[in-house]
């Protein structure tokens, strides 16, 4: 993949139908395992009839380059460089 791009951009290059205009905003913290977060999201979608082909979530960890600010600006946010 390309360095310096968000996961959303990288996903869109390979799977263009997997991205779209956001209909929901989700906040997530690195404290939770990604697998747990995704499983919870899947349950929510199932239980609430969310059409995952037509509804999209904006999540900072997918939509922004998480390491650009940390690494390029030499800030220490708890990530070893």
PDB file of N, CA and C in Angstrom:
ATOM      1  N   UNK A   1       0.796  -1.176   0.000  1.00  0.00           N
ATOM      2  CA  UNK A   1       0.000   0.000   0.000  1.00  0.00           C
ATOM      3  C   UNK A   1       0.851   1.258   0.000  1.00  0.00           C
ATOM      4  N   UNK A   2       0.190   2.362  -0.078  1.00  0.00           N
ATOM      5  CA  UNK A   2       0.868   3.652  -0.082  1.00  0.00           C
ATOM      6  C   UNK A   2       1.088   4.127   1.338  1.00  0.00           C
ATOM      7  N   UNK A   3       2.281   4.653   1.601  1.00  0.00           N
ATOM      8  CA  UNK A   3       2.506   5.250   2.910  1.00  0.00           C
ATOM      9  C   UNK A   3       1.998   6.682   2.871  1.00  0.00           C
ATOM     10  N   UNK A   4       1.624   7.192   4.038  1.00  0.00           N
ATOM     11  CA  UNK A   4       1.152   8.564   4.115  1.00  0.00           C
ATOM     12  C   UNK A   4      -0.288   8.768   3.698  1.00  0.00           C
ATOM     13  N   UNK A   5      -1.065   7.674   3.622  1.00  0.00           N
ATOM     14  CA  UNK A   5      -2.488   7.809   3.304  1.00  0.00           C
ATOM     15  C   UNK A   5      -3.299   7.145   4.405  1.00  0.00           C
ATOM     16  N   UNK A   6      -4.562   7.524   4.502  1.00  0.00           N
ATOM     17  CA  UNK A   6      -5.443   6.915   5.491  1.00  0.00           C
ATOM     18  C   UNK A   6      -5.810   5.492   5.067  1.00  0.00           C
ATOM     19  N   UNK A   7      -6.286   4.709   6.023  1.00  0.00           N
ATOM     20  CA  UNK A   7      -6.783   3.375   5.689  1.00  0.00           C
ATOM     21  C   UNK A   7      -7.952   3.477   4.718  1.00  0.00           C
ATOM     22  N   UNK A   8      -8.799   4.502   4.878  1.00  0.00           N
ATOM     23  CA  UNK A   8      -9.934   4.707   3.986  1.00  0.00           C
ATOM     24  C   UNK A   8      -9.483   4.865   2.543  1.00  0.00           C
ATOM     25  N   UNK A   9      -8.430   5.656   2.337  1.00  0.00           N
ATOM     26  CA  UNK A   9      -7.900   5.857   0.987  1.00  0.00           C
ATOM     27  C   UNK A   9      -7.347   4.560   0.423  1.00  0.00           C
ATOM     28  N   UNK A  10      -6.605   3.826   1.246  1.00  0.00           N
ATOM     29  CA  UNK A  10      -6.033   2.556   0.797  1.00  0.00           C
ATOM     30  C   UNK A  10      -7.135   1.545   0.472  1.00  0.00           C
ATOM     31  N   UNK A  11      -8.172   1.487   1.305  1.00  0.00           N
ATOM     32  CA  UNK A  11      -9.299   0.576   1.052  1.00  0.00           C
ATOM     33  C   UNK A  11     -10.018   0.966  -0.229  1.00  0.00           C
ATOM     34  N   UNK A  12     -10.236   2.254  -0.445  1.00  0.00           N
ATOM     35  CA  UNK A  12     -10.944   2.731  -1.634  1.00  0.00           C
ATOM     36  C   UNK A  12     -10.222   2.359  -2.913  1.00  0.00           C
ATOM     37  N   UNK A  13      -8.895   2.328  -2.863  1.00  0.00           N
ATOM     38  CA  UNK A  13      -8.131   1.956  -4.058  1.00  0.00           C
ATOM     39  C   UNK A  13      -8.380   0.506  -4.455  1.00  0.00           C
ATOM     40  N   UNK A  14      -8.539  -0.371  -3.469  1.00  0.00           N
ATOM     41  CA  UNK A  14      -8.738  -1.796  -3.752  1.00  0.00           C
ATOM     42  C   UNK A  14     -10.217  -2.190  -3.831  1.00  0.00           C
ATOM     43  N   UNK A  15     -11.059  -1.524  -3.033  1.00  0.00           N
ATOM     44  CA  UNK A  15     -12.479  -1.881  -2.927  1.00  0.00           C
ATOM     45  C   UNK A  15     -13.335  -0.610  -2.975  1.00  0.00           C
ATOM     46  N   UNK A  16     -13.488  -0.008  -4.139  1.00  0.00           N
ATOM     47  CA  UNK A  16     -14.199   1.276  -4.228  1.00  0.00           C
ATOM     48  C   UNK A  16     -15.633   1.249  -3.713  1.00  0.00           C
ATOM     49  N   UNK A  17     -16.314   0.120  -3.781  1.00  0.00           N
ATOM     50  CA  UNK A  17     -17.690   0.041  -3.294  1.00  0.00           C
ATOM     51  C   UNK A  17     -17.771  -0.041  -1.766  1.00  0.00           C
ATOM     52  N   UNK A  18     -16.625  -0.199  -1.107  1.00  0.00           N
ATOM     53  CA  UNK A  18     -16.603  -0.324   0.355  1.00  0.00           C
ATOM     54  C   UNK A  18     -16.538   1.025   1.058  1.00  0.00           C
ATOM     55  N   UNK A  19     -16.488   2.108   0.312  1.00  0.00           N
ATOM     56  CA  UNK A  19     -16.442   3.444   0.906  1.00  0.00           C
ATOM     57  C   UNK A  19     -17.533   4.310   0.290  1.00  0.00           C
ATOM     58  N   UNK A  20     -17.963   5.307   1.041  1.00  0.00           N
ATOM     59  CA  UNK A  20     -19.002   6.202   0.549  1.00  0.00           C
ATOM     60  C   UNK A  20     -19.154   7.391   1.475  1.00  0.00           C
ATOM     61  N   UNK A  21     -20.155   8.202   1.209  1.00  0.00           N
ATOM     62  CA  UNK A  21     -20.436   9.376   2.027  1.00  0.00           C
ATOM     63  C   UNK A  21     -20.916   8.905   3.404  1.00  0.00           C
ATOM     64  N   UNK A  22     -20.351   9.460   4.433  1.00  0.00           N
ATOM     65  CA  UNK A  22     -20.665   9.040   5.805  1.00  0.00           C
ATOM     66  C   UNK A  22     -22.111   9.346   6.185  1.00  0.00           C
ATOM     67  N   UNK A  23     -22.742   8.362   6.800  1.00  0.00           N
ATOM     68  CA  UNK A  23     -24.089   8.535   7.341  1.00  0.00           C
ATOM     69  C   UNK A  23     -24.067   8.462   8.865  1.00  0.00           C
ATOM     70  N   UNK A  24     -22.945   8.032   9.439  1.00  0.00           N
ATOM     71  CA  UNK A  24     -22.793   7.892  10.885  1.00  0.00           C
ATOM     72  C   UNK A  24     -21.386   8.354  11.284  1.00  0.00           C
ATOM     73  N   UNK A  25     -21.272   8.819  12.523  1.00  0.00           N
ATOM     74  CA  UNK A  25     -19.969   9.164  13.095  1.00  0.00           C
ATOM     75  C   UNK A  25     -19.718   8.221  14.264  1.00  0.00           C
ATOM     76  N   UNK A  26     -18.540   7.614  14.278  1.00  0.00           N
ATOM     77  CA  UNK A  26     -18.174   6.721  15.377  1.00  0.00           C
ATOM     78  C   UNK A  26     -16.851   7.154  15.969  1.00  0.00           C
ATOM     79  N   UNK A  27     -16.779   7.095  17.260  1.00  0.00           N
ATOM     80  CA  UNK A  27     -15.534   7.385  17.960  1.00  0.00           C
ATOM     81  C   UNK A  27     -15.018   6.076  18.526  1.00  0.00           C
ATOM     82  N   UNK A  28     -13.739   5.908  18.487  1.00  0.00           N
ATOM     83  CA  UNK A  28     -13.119   4.676  18.951  1.00  0.00           C
ATOM     84  C   UNK A  28     -11.786   5.033  19.563  1.00  0.00           C
ATOM     85  N   UNK A  29     -11.377   4.314  20.569  1.00  0.00           N
ATOM     86  CA  UNK A  29     -10.095   4.557  21.210  1.00  0.00           C
ATOM     87  C   UNK A  29      -9.204   3.338  21.039  1.00  0.00           C
ATOM     88  N   UNK A  30      -7.919   3.557  20.957  1.00  0.00           N
ATOM     89  CA  UNK A  30      -6.958   2.472  20.777  1.00  0.00           C
ATOM     90  C   UNK A  30      -6.940   1.530  21.981  1.00  0.00           C
ATOM     91  N   UNK A  31      -7.619   1.899  23.072  1.00  0.00           N
ATOM     92  CA  UNK A  31      -7.658   1.044  24.254  1.00  0.00           C
ATOM     93  C   UNK A  31      -8.377  -0.276  23.974  1.00  0.00           C
ATOM     94  N   UNK A  32      -9.316  -0.259  23.026  1.00  0.00           N
ATOM     95  CA  UNK A  32     -10.086  -1.456  22.708  1.00  0.00           C
ATOM     96  C   UNK A  32      -9.468  -2.186  21.518  1.00  0.00           C
ATOM     97  N   UNK A  33      -9.428  -3.502  21.576  1.00  0.00           N
ATOM     98  CA  UNK A  33      -8.930  -4.253  20.418  1.00  0.00           C
ATOM     99  C   UNK A  33      -9.811  -4.008  19.189  1.00  0.00           C
ATOM    100  N   UNK A  34      -9.209  -3.896  18.025  1.00  0.00           N
ATOM    101  CA  UNK A  34      -9.958  -3.660  16.788  1.00  0.00           C
ATOM    102  C   UNK A  34     -10.992  -4.760  16.580  1.00  0.00           C
ATOM    103  N   UNK A  35     -10.618  -6.000  16.844  1.00  0.00           N
ATOM    104  CA  UNK A  35     -11.545  -7.116  16.652  1.00  0.00           C
ATOM    105  C   UNK A  35     -12.805  -6.945  17.509  1.00  0.00           C
ATOM    106  N   UNK A  36     -12.641  -6.525  18.764  1.00  0.00           N
ATOM    107  CA  UNK A  36     -13.789  -6.311  19.648  1.00  0.00           C
ATOM    108  C   UNK A  36     -14.678  -5.187  19.125  1.00  0.00           C
ATOM    109  N   UNK A  37     -14.051  -4.123  18.670  1.00  0.00           N
ATOM    110  CA  UNK A  37     -14.794  -2.992  18.112  1.00  0.00           C
ATOM    111  C   UNK A  37     -15.603  -3.421  16.897  1.00  0.00           C
ATOM    112  N   UNK A  38     -14.980  -4.154  15.980  1.00  0.00           N
ATOM    113  CA  UNK A  38     -15.665  -4.588  14.760  1.00  0.00           C
ATOM    114  C   UNK A  38     -16.792  -5.568  15.056  1.00  0.00           C
ATOM    115  N   UNK A  39     -16.576  -6.462  16.013  1.00  0.00           N
ATOM    116  CA  UNK A  39     -17.639  -7.398  16.389  1.00  0.00           C
ATOM    117  C   UNK A  39     -18.842  -6.653  16.968  1.00  0.00           C
ATOM    118  N   UNK A  40     -18.577  -5.651  17.820  1.00  0.00           N
ATOM    119  CA  UNK A  40     -19.654  -4.858  18.404  1.00  0.00           C
ATOM    120  C   UNK A  40     -20.395  -4.079  17.327  1.00  0.00           C
ATOM    121  N   UNK A  41     -19.656  -3.523  16.386  1.00  0.00           N
ATOM    122  CA  UNK A  41     -20.264  -2.789  15.282  1.00  0.00           C
ATOM    123  C   UNK A  41     -21.143  -3.711  14.431  1.00  0.00           C
ATOM    124  N   UNK A  42     -20.677  -4.915  14.169  1.00  0.00           N
ATOM    125  CA  UNK A  42     -21.459  -5.875  13.387  1.00  0.00           C
ATOM    126  C   UNK A  42     -22.765  -6.227  14.097  1.00  0.00           C
ATOM    127  N   UNK A  43     -22.703  -6.440  15.407  1.00  0.00           N
ATOM    128  CA  UNK A  43     -23.914  -6.735  16.180  1.00  0.00           C
ATOM    129  C   UNK A  43     -24.881  -5.552  16.105  1.00  0.00           C
ATOM    130  N   UNK A  44     -24.368  -4.335  16.289  1.00  0.00           N
ATOM    131  CA  UNK A  44     -25.205  -3.142  16.208  1.00  0.00           C
ATOM    132  C   UNK A  44     -25.904  -3.068  14.851  1.00  0.00           C
ATOM    133  N   UNK A  45     -25.156  -3.278  13.785  1.00  0.00           N
ATOM    134  CA  UNK A  45     -25.734  -3.205  12.439  1.00  0.00           C
ATOM    135  C   UNK A  45     -26.826  -4.254  12.244  1.00  0.00           C
ATOM    136  N   UNK A  46     -26.547  -5.459  12.681  1.00  0.00           N
ATOM    137  CA  UNK A  46     -27.537  -6.541  12.557  1.00  0.00           C
ATOM    138  C   UNK A  46     -28.805  -6.228  13.350  1.00  0.00           C
ATOM    139  N   UNK A  47     -28.634  -5.824  14.609  1.00  0.00           N
ATOM    140  CA  UNK A  47     -29.782  -5.598  15.487  1.00  0.00           C
ATOM    141  C   UNK A  47     -30.595  -4.361  15.114  1.00  0.00           C
ATOM    142  N   UNK A  48     -29.985  -3.432  14.377  1.00  0.00           N
ATOM    143  CA  UNK A  48     -30.671  -2.192  14.019  1.00  0.00           C
ATOM    144  C   UNK A  48     -30.989  -2.077  12.539  1.00  0.00           C
ATOM    145  N   UNK A  49     -30.822  -3.162  11.807  1.00  0.00           N
ATOM    146  CA  UNK A  49     -31.174  -3.184  10.390  1.00  0.00           C
ATOM    147  C   UNK A  49     -30.365  -2.227   9.531  1.00  0.00           C
ATOM    148  N   UNK A  50     -29.122  -2.012   9.882  1.00  0.00           N
ATOM    149  CA  UNK A  50     -28.266  -1.111   9.103  1.00  0.00           C
ATOM    150  C   UNK A  50     -27.873  -1.793   7.798  1.00  0.00           C
ATOM    151  N   UNK A  51     -28.122  -1.141   6.684  1.00  0.00           N
ATOM    152  CA  UNK A  51     -27.732  -1.654   5.371  1.00  0.00           C
ATOM    153  C   UNK A  51     -26.278  -1.258   5.136  1.00  0.00           C
ATOM    154  N   UNK A  52     -25.376  -2.180   5.382  1.00  0.00           N
ATOM    155  CA  UNK A  52     -23.939  -1.877   5.310  1.00  0.00           C
ATOM    156  C   UNK A  52     -23.449  -1.628   3.891  1.00  0.00           C
ATOM    157  N   UNK A  53     -24.295  -1.824   2.902  1.00  0.00           N
ATOM    158  CA  UNK A  53     -23.918  -1.486   1.527  1.00  0.00           C
ATOM    159  C   UNK A  53     -24.272  -0.054   1.182  1.00  0.00           C
ATOM    160  N   UNK A  54     -25.118   0.591   2.028  1.00  0.00           N
ATOM    161  CA  UNK A  54     -25.585   1.948   1.729  1.00  0.00           C
ATOM    162  C   UNK A  54     -25.299   2.956   2.837  1.00  0.00           C
ATOM    163  N   UNK A  55     -24.916   2.470   4.011  1.00  0.00           N
ATOM    164  CA  UNK A  55     -24.637   3.354   5.133  1.00  0.00           C
ATOM    165  C   UNK A  55     -23.171   3.210   5.513  1.00  0.00           C
ATOM    166  N   UNK A  56     -22.536   4.350   5.761  1.00  0.00           N
ATOM    167  CA  UNK A  56     -21.101   4.361   6.010  1.00  0.00           C
ATOM    168  C   UNK A  56     -20.789   5.171   7.261  1.00  0.00           C
ATOM    169  N   UNK A  57     -19.764   4.755   7.973  1.00  0.00           N
ATOM    170  CA  UNK A  57     -19.362   5.455   9.205  1.00  0.00           C
ATOM    171  C   UNK A  57     -18.056   6.190   8.985  1.00  0.00           C
ATOM    172  N   UNK A  58     -17.963   7.373   9.594  1.00  0.00           N
ATOM    173  CA  UNK A  58     -16.700   8.121   9.632  1.00  0.00           C
ATOM    174  C   UNK A  58     -16.053   7.791  10.961  1.00  0.00           C
ATOM    175  N   UNK A  59     -14.848   7.249  10.911  1.00  0.00           N
ATOM    176  CA  UNK A  59     -14.080   6.936  12.120  1.00  0.00           C
ATOM    177  C   UNK A  59     -12.677   7.486  11.924  1.00  0.00           C
ATOM    178  N   UNK A  60     -12.208   8.216  12.911  1.00  0.00           N
ATOM    179  CA  UNK A  60     -10.917   8.887  12.758  1.00  0.00           C
ATOM    180  C   UNK A  60      -9.804   7.915  12.404  1.00  0.00           C
ATOM    181  N   UNK A  61      -9.786   6.728  12.993  1.00  0.00           N
ATOM    182  CA  UNK A  61      -8.670   5.827  12.713  1.00  0.00           C
ATOM    183  C   UNK A  61      -8.680   5.298  11.282  1.00  0.00           C
ATOM    184  N   UNK A  62      -9.830   5.377  10.611  1.00  0.00           N
ATOM    185  CA  UNK A  62      -9.897   4.979   9.204  1.00  0.00           C
ATOM    186  C   UNK A  62      -9.718   6.149   8.249  1.00  0.00           C
ATOM    187  N   UNK A  63     -10.182   7.321   8.657  1.00  0.00           N
ATOM    188  CA  UNK A  63     -10.279   8.443   7.728  1.00  0.00           C
ATOM    189  C   UNK A  63      -9.135   9.438   7.805  1.00  0.00           C
ATOM    190  N   UNK A  64      -8.268   9.300   8.774  1.00  0.00           N
ATOM    191  CA  UNK A  64      -7.106  10.180   8.850  1.00  0.00           C
ATOM    192  C   UNK A  64      -5.841   9.344   8.936  1.00  0.00           C
ATOM    193  N   UNK A  65      -4.764   9.897   8.452  1.00  0.00           N
ATOM    194  CA  UNK A  65      -3.471   9.229   8.553  1.00  0.00           C
ATOM    195  C   UNK A  65      -3.016   9.363   9.999  1.00  0.00           C
ATOM    196  N   UNK A  66      -3.172   8.307  10.778  1.00  0.00           N
ATOM    197  CA  UNK A  66      -2.933   8.353  12.209  1.00  0.00           C
ATOM    198  C   UNK A  66      -1.482   8.639  12.583  1.00  0.00           C
ATOM    199  N   UNK A  67      -0.550   8.362  11.718  1.00  0.00           N
ATOM    200  CA  UNK A  67       0.852   8.507  12.075  1.00  0.00           C
ATOM    201  C   UNK A  67       1.510   9.742  11.496  1.00  0.00           C
ATOM    202  N   UNK A  68       0.847  10.416  10.586  1.00  0.00           N
ATOM    203  CA  UNK A  68       1.448  11.585   9.950  1.00  0.00           C
ATOM    204  C   UNK A  68       1.845  12.637  10.980  1.00  0.00           C
ATOM    205  N   UNK A  69       0.916  13.050  11.806  1.00  0.00           N
ATOM    206  CA  UNK A  69       1.211  14.069  12.811  1.00  0.00           C
ATOM    207  C   UNK A  69       2.210  13.594  13.845  1.00  0.00           C
ATOM    208  N   UNK A  70       2.049  12.354  14.284  1.00  0.00           N
ATOM    209  CA  UNK A  70       2.919  11.840  15.325  1.00  0.00           C
ATOM    210  C   UNK A  70       4.355  11.701  14.845  1.00  0.00           C
ATOM    211  N   UNK A  71       4.528  11.087  13.716  1.00  0.00           N
ATOM    212  CA  UNK A  71       5.882  10.776  13.266  1.00  0.00           C
ATOM    213  C   UNK A  71       6.552  11.942  12.554  1.00  0.00           C
ATOM    214  N   UNK A  72       5.835  12.619  11.679  1.00  0.00           N
ATOM    215  CA  UNK A  72       6.438  13.703  10.908  1.00  0.00           C
ATOM    216  C   UNK A  72       6.678  14.959  11.736  1.00  0.00           C
ATOM    217  N   UNK A  73       5.881  15.167  12.765  1.00  0.00           N
ATOM    218  CA  UNK A  73       6.062  16.347  13.600  1.00  0.00           C
ATOM    219  C   UNK A  73       6.857  16.047  14.864  1.00  0.00           C
ATOM    220  N   UNK A  74       7.329  14.816  14.982  1.00  0.00           N
ATOM    221  CA  UNK A  74       8.174  14.392  16.101  1.00  0.00           C
ATOM    222  C   UNK A  74       7.512  14.628  17.453  1.00  0.00           C
ATOM    223  N   UNK A  75       6.216  14.463  17.528  1.00  0.00           N
ATOM    224  CA  UNK A  75       5.519  14.562  18.802  1.00  0.00           C
ATOM    225  C   UNK A  75       5.491  13.193  19.439  1.00  0.00           C
ATOM    226  N   UNK A  76       5.478  13.155  20.747  1.00  0.00           N
ATOM    227  CA  UNK A  76       5.422  11.899  21.453  1.00  0.00           C
ATOM    228  C   UNK A  76       4.041  11.721  22.041  1.00  0.00           C
ATOM    229  N   UNK A  77       3.238  10.861  21.420  1.00  0.00           N
ATOM    230  CA  UNK A  77       1.891  10.571  21.908  1.00  0.00           C
ATOM    231  C   UNK A  77       1.826   9.131  22.390  1.00  0.00           C
ATOM    232  N   UNK A  78       2.931   8.636  22.946  1.00  0.00           N
ATOM    233  CA  UNK A  78       2.942   7.286  23.467  1.00  0.00           C
ATOM    234  C   UNK A  78       3.314   6.236  22.437  1.00  0.00           C
ATOM    235  N   UNK A  79       3.745   6.669  21.261  1.00  0.00           N
ATOM    236  CA  UNK A  79       4.159   5.730  20.217  1.00  0.00           C
ATOM    237  C   UNK A  79       5.666   5.802  20.076  1.00  0.00           C
ATOM    238  N   UNK A  80       6.296   4.637  20.183  1.00  0.00           N
ATOM    239  CA  UNK A  80       7.749   4.608  20.006  1.00  0.00           C
ATOM    240  C   UNK A  80       8.088   4.802  18.551  1.00  0.00           C
ATOM    241  N   UNK A  81       9.054   5.665  18.274  1.00  0.00           N
ATOM    242  CA  UNK A  81       9.472   5.875  16.884  1.00  0.00           C
ATOM    243  C   UNK A  81      10.861   5.362  16.671  1.00  0.00           C
TER     244      UNK A  81
END
